[in-house]
Amino acid sequence: MARLKEEIAAYEEMCNDLELEHFGEWVVFRDKKLAGTYDSFDMAAEDAVKRFGRGPYLIRKVGAPPLTLPASVLYRTNNVLS
């Protein structure tokens, strides 16, 4: 969890510049650096998983408030509920 807090801090430090240049786009932060910008969450997530595996990394929409997801979404499995 500490590494994710570092990614959030790096995003917040760059937030003003990101809002000027990438407002409404999705960004990925890894190792306290901007790793990429994307047009959609799906594109950001797909590239982040391909490049970094399970993480941790931060995916955030520039200009949007932070999103909190329930643990069931964060740790979902491939099992289908009946």
N, C-alpha and C. Protein backbone atom coordinates (compact mmCIF):
# COMPACT_ATOMS: atom_id res chain seq x y z
N MET A 1 0.82 -1.19 0.00
CA MET A 1 0.00 0.00 0.00
C MET A 1 0.86 1.26 0.00
N ALA A 2 2.04 1.16 0.59
CA ALA A 2 2.93 2.33 0.64
C ALA A 2 3.35 2.75 -0.76
N ARG A 3 3.60 1.78 -1.64
CA ARG A 3 4.02 2.15 -3.01
C ARG A 3 2.90 2.85 -3.74
N LEU A 4 1.66 2.42 -3.54
CA LEU A 4 0.54 3.07 -4.19
C LEU A 4 0.41 4.52 -3.70
N LYS A 5 0.65 4.74 -2.42
CA LYS A 5 0.62 6.11 -1.90
C LYS A 5 1.69 6.96 -2.56
N GLU A 6 2.84 6.37 -2.88
CA GLU A 6 3.89 7.10 -3.58
C GLU A 6 3.44 7.47 -5.00
N GLU A 7 2.73 6.56 -5.66
CA GLU A 7 2.23 6.83 -7.02
C GLU A 7 1.18 7.96 -6.98
N ILE A 8 0.33 7.93 -5.97
CA ILE A 8 -0.68 8.98 -5.81
C ILE A 8 0.00 10.32 -5.56
N ALA A 9 1.02 10.33 -4.71
CA ALA A 9 1.75 11.58 -4.44
C ALA A 9 2.41 12.11 -5.70
N ALA A 10 2.97 11.23 -6.52
CA ALA A 10 3.61 11.65 -7.77
C ALA A 10 2.57 12.24 -8.71
N TYR A 11 1.39 11.61 -8.79
CA TYR A 11 0.31 12.14 -9.62
C TYR A 11 -0.10 13.54 -9.13
N GLU A 12 -0.30 13.66 -7.84
CA GLU A 12 -0.74 14.94 -7.27
C GLU A 12 0.30 16.04 -7.50
N GLU A 13 1.57 15.68 -7.48
CA GLU A 13 2.63 16.65 -7.72
C GLU A 13 2.58 17.17 -9.16
N MET A 14 2.19 16.32 -10.09
CA MET A 14 2.14 16.69 -11.51
C MET A 14 0.74 17.12 -11.96
N CYS A 15 -0.21 17.12 -11.06
CA CYS A 15 -1.61 17.30 -11.39
C CYS A 15 -1.88 18.56 -12.22
N ASN A 16 -1.34 19.70 -11.84
CA ASN A 16 -1.60 20.94 -12.58
C ASN A 16 -1.14 20.84 -14.02
N ASP A 17 0.07 20.34 -14.25
CA ASP A 17 0.58 20.18 -15.61
C ASP A 17 -0.25 19.17 -16.39
N LEU A 18 -0.63 18.08 -15.74
CA LEU A 18 -1.44 17.07 -16.42
C LEU A 18 -2.79 17.65 -16.84
N GLU A 19 -3.39 18.45 -15.97
CA GLU A 19 -4.69 19.03 -16.30
C GLU A 19 -4.58 20.00 -17.48
N LEU A 20 -3.46 20.66 -17.63
CA LEU A 20 -3.26 21.57 -18.76
C LEU A 20 -3.05 20.80 -20.07
N GLU A 21 -2.33 19.69 -20.01
CA GLU A 21 -1.94 18.99 -21.22
C GLU A 21 -2.76 17.74 -21.53
N HIS A 22 -3.37 17.13 -20.51
CA HIS A 22 -4.02 15.83 -20.71
C HIS A 22 -5.39 15.73 -20.03
N PHE A 23 -6.07 16.86 -19.87
CA PHE A 23 -7.36 16.84 -19.17
C PHE A 23 -8.32 15.86 -19.85
N GLY A 24 -8.95 15.00 -19.04
CA GLY A 24 -9.91 14.02 -19.54
C GLY A 24 -9.29 12.73 -20.03
N GLU A 25 -7.97 12.66 -20.11
CA GLU A 25 -7.29 11.43 -20.51
C GLU A 25 -6.99 10.59 -19.27
N TRP A 26 -6.68 9.35 -19.50
CA TRP A 26 -6.28 8.44 -18.44
C TRP A 26 -4.76 8.36 -18.39
N VAL A 27 -4.20 8.31 -17.19
CA VAL A 27 -2.76 8.23 -17.02
C VAL A 27 -2.41 7.03 -16.14
N VAL A 28 -1.21 6.53 -16.37
CA VAL A 28 -0.66 5.45 -15.54
C VAL A 28 0.63 5.98 -14.91
N PHE A 29 0.74 5.79 -13.60
CA PHE A 29 1.96 6.12 -12.87
C PHE A 29 2.57 4.85 -12.32
N ARG A 30 3.87 4.72 -12.50
CA ARG A 30 4.62 3.58 -11.99
C ARG A 30 5.99 4.09 -11.56
N ASP A 31 6.46 3.67 -10.42
CA ASP A 31 7.75 4.10 -9.88
C ASP A 31 7.85 5.62 -9.78
N LYS A 32 6.74 6.25 -9.39
CA LYS A 32 6.65 7.70 -9.17
C LYS A 32 6.87 8.50 -10.44
N LYS A 33 6.62 7.89 -11.61
CA LYS A 33 6.78 8.57 -12.89
C LYS A 33 5.55 8.33 -13.75
N LEU A 34 5.27 9.28 -14.62
CA LEU A 34 4.21 9.11 -15.60
C LEU A 34 4.65 8.05 -16.60
N ALA A 35 3.91 6.96 -16.68
CA ALA A 35 4.28 5.85 -17.56
C ALA A 35 3.54 5.91 -18.89
N GLY A 36 2.44 6.66 -18.96
CA GLY A 36 1.72 6.77 -20.22
C GLY A 36 0.41 7.50 -20.07
N THR A 37 -0.11 7.99 -21.21
CA THR A 37 -1.42 8.64 -21.26
C THR A 37 -2.27 7.89 -22.28
N TYR A 38 -3.58 7.82 -22.02
CA TYR A 38 -4.47 6.97 -22.82
C TYR A 38 -5.83 7.63 -22.97
N ASP A 39 -6.53 7.24 -24.02
CA ASP A 39 -7.86 7.77 -24.29
C ASP A 39 -8.95 7.10 -23.47
N SER A 40 -8.69 5.90 -22.94
CA SER A 40 -9.71 5.19 -22.18
C SER A 40 -9.08 4.42 -21.03
N PHE A 41 -9.91 4.09 -20.05
CA PHE A 41 -9.45 3.27 -18.93
C PHE A 41 -8.98 1.92 -19.43
N ASP A 42 -9.75 1.31 -20.34
CA ASP A 42 -9.39 -0.01 -20.84
C ASP A 42 -8.02 -0.02 -21.49
N MET A 43 -7.72 1.01 -22.27
CA MET A 43 -6.41 1.09 -22.91
C MET A 43 -5.30 1.24 -21.86
N ALA A 44 -5.55 2.07 -20.84
CA ALA A 44 -4.57 2.27 -19.78
C ALA A 44 -4.33 0.99 -19.00
N ALA A 45 -5.41 0.32 -18.64
CA ALA A 45 -5.29 -0.91 -17.85
C ALA A 45 -4.61 -2.01 -18.65
N GLU A 46 -4.98 -2.16 -19.90
CA GLU A 46 -4.38 -3.21 -20.73
C GLU A 46 -2.87 -3.01 -20.87
N ASP A 47 -2.46 -1.77 -21.13
CA ASP A 47 -1.03 -1.50 -21.28
C ASP A 47 -0.30 -1.65 -19.95
N ALA A 48 -0.90 -1.19 -18.86
CA ALA A 48 -0.26 -1.30 -17.55
C ALA A 48 -0.04 -2.76 -17.17
N VAL A 49 -1.04 -3.59 -17.39
CA VAL A 49 -0.90 -5.02 -17.06
C VAL A 49 0.16 -5.67 -17.94
N LYS A 50 0.15 -5.32 -19.21
CA LYS A 50 1.13 -5.88 -20.14
C LYS A 50 2.56 -5.49 -19.74
N ARG A 51 2.73 -4.24 -19.34
CA ARG A 51 4.07 -3.74 -19.01
C ARG A 51 4.52 -4.06 -17.60
N PHE A 52 3.58 -4.04 -16.63
CA PHE A 52 3.97 -4.10 -15.23
C PHE A 52 3.37 -5.26 -14.45
N GLY A 53 2.56 -6.08 -15.09
CA GLY A 53 1.93 -7.18 -14.36
C GLY A 53 0.85 -6.67 -13.43
N ARG A 54 0.78 -7.26 -12.26
CA ARG A 54 -0.29 -6.94 -11.31
C ARG A 54 -0.09 -5.62 -10.58
N GLY A 55 1.05 -5.02 -10.68
CA GLY A 55 1.24 -3.71 -10.04
C GLY A 55 2.17 -3.78 -8.87
N PRO A 56 2.16 -2.76 -8.07
CA PRO A 56 1.20 -1.67 -8.03
C PRO A 56 1.54 -0.57 -9.03
N TYR A 57 0.50 0.05 -9.51
CA TYR A 57 0.59 1.23 -10.33
C TYR A 57 -0.72 1.98 -10.17
N LEU A 58 -0.72 3.23 -10.56
CA LEU A 58 -1.90 4.06 -10.41
C LEU A 58 -2.47 4.36 -11.78
N ILE A 59 -3.78 4.15 -11.94
CA ILE A 59 -4.50 4.55 -13.14
C ILE A 59 -5.52 5.59 -12.70
N ARG A 60 -5.46 6.76 -13.31
CA ARG A 60 -6.34 7.84 -12.89
C ARG A 60 -6.76 8.66 -14.10
N LYS A 61 -7.99 9.14 -14.09
CA LYS A 61 -8.48 10.04 -15.14
C LYS A 61 -8.14 11.46 -14.72
N VAL A 62 -7.41 12.16 -15.57
CA VAL A 62 -6.96 13.51 -15.26
C VAL A 62 -8.16 14.45 -15.18
N GLY A 63 -8.28 15.13 -14.04
CA GLY A 63 -9.37 16.08 -13.83
C GLY A 63 -10.56 15.50 -13.10
N ALA A 64 -10.59 14.20 -12.92
CA ALA A 64 -11.70 13.54 -12.22
C ALA A 64 -11.31 13.34 -10.75
N PRO A 65 -12.31 13.33 -9.85
CA PRO A 65 -11.99 13.05 -8.45
C PRO A 65 -11.52 11.61 -8.31
N PRO A 66 -10.74 11.30 -7.28
CA PRO A 66 -10.29 9.92 -7.05
C PRO A 66 -11.48 8.97 -6.93
N LEU A 67 -11.32 7.79 -7.46
CA LEU A 67 -12.37 6.78 -7.45
C LEU A 67 -12.00 5.68 -6.47
N THR A 68 -12.93 5.32 -5.61
CA THR A 68 -12.72 4.23 -4.68
C THR A 68 -13.55 3.04 -5.13
N LEU A 69 -12.88 1.91 -5.36
CA LEU A 69 -13.56 0.70 -5.81
C LEU A 69 -13.68 -0.29 -4.66
N PRO A 70 -14.77 -1.05 -4.61
CA PRO A 70 -14.90 -2.08 -3.58
C PRO A 70 -13.89 -3.19 -3.82
N ALA A 71 -13.51 -3.87 -2.76
CA ALA A 71 -12.52 -4.94 -2.86
C ALA A 71 -12.97 -6.02 -3.84
N SER A 72 -14.27 -6.26 -3.95
CA SER A 72 -14.75 -7.29 -4.87
C SER A 72 -14.40 -6.96 -6.32
N VAL A 73 -14.31 -5.69 -6.65
CA VAL A 73 -13.91 -5.29 -8.00
C VAL A 73 -12.39 -5.32 -8.13
N LEU A 74 -11.69 -4.85 -7.12
CA LEU A 74 -10.25 -4.80 -7.18
C LEU A 74 -9.63 -6.20 -7.25
N TYR A 75 -10.24 -7.16 -6.60
CA TYR A 75 -9.66 -8.50 -6.50
C TYR A 75 -10.57 -9.55 -7.12
N ARG A 76 -11.27 -9.19 -8.19
CA ARG A 76 -12.19 -10.14 -8.80
C ARG A 76 -11.42 -11.31 -9.40
N THR A 77 -12.12 -12.41 -9.49
CA THR A 77 -11.53 -13.59 -10.10
C THR A 77 -12.27 -13.87 -11.39
N ASN A 78 -11.84 -14.87 -12.09
CA ASN A 78 -12.47 -15.24 -13.33
C ASN A 78 -13.69 -16.14 -13.11
N ASN A 79 -14.03 -16.39 -11.87
CA ASN A 79 -15.22 -17.22 -11.58
C ASN A 79 -16.48 -16.46 -11.93
N VAL A 80 -17.44 -17.15 -12.49
CA VAL A 80 -18.71 -16.54 -12.85
C VAL A 80 -19.71 -16.88 -11.76
N LEU A 81 -20.40 -15.86 -11.26
CA LEU A 81 -21.40 -16.08 -10.23
C LEU A 81 -22.68 -16.61 -10.87
N SER A 82 -23.32 -17.56 -10.23
CA SER A 82 -24.56 -18.13 -10.76
C SER A 82 -25.76 -17.37 -10.25
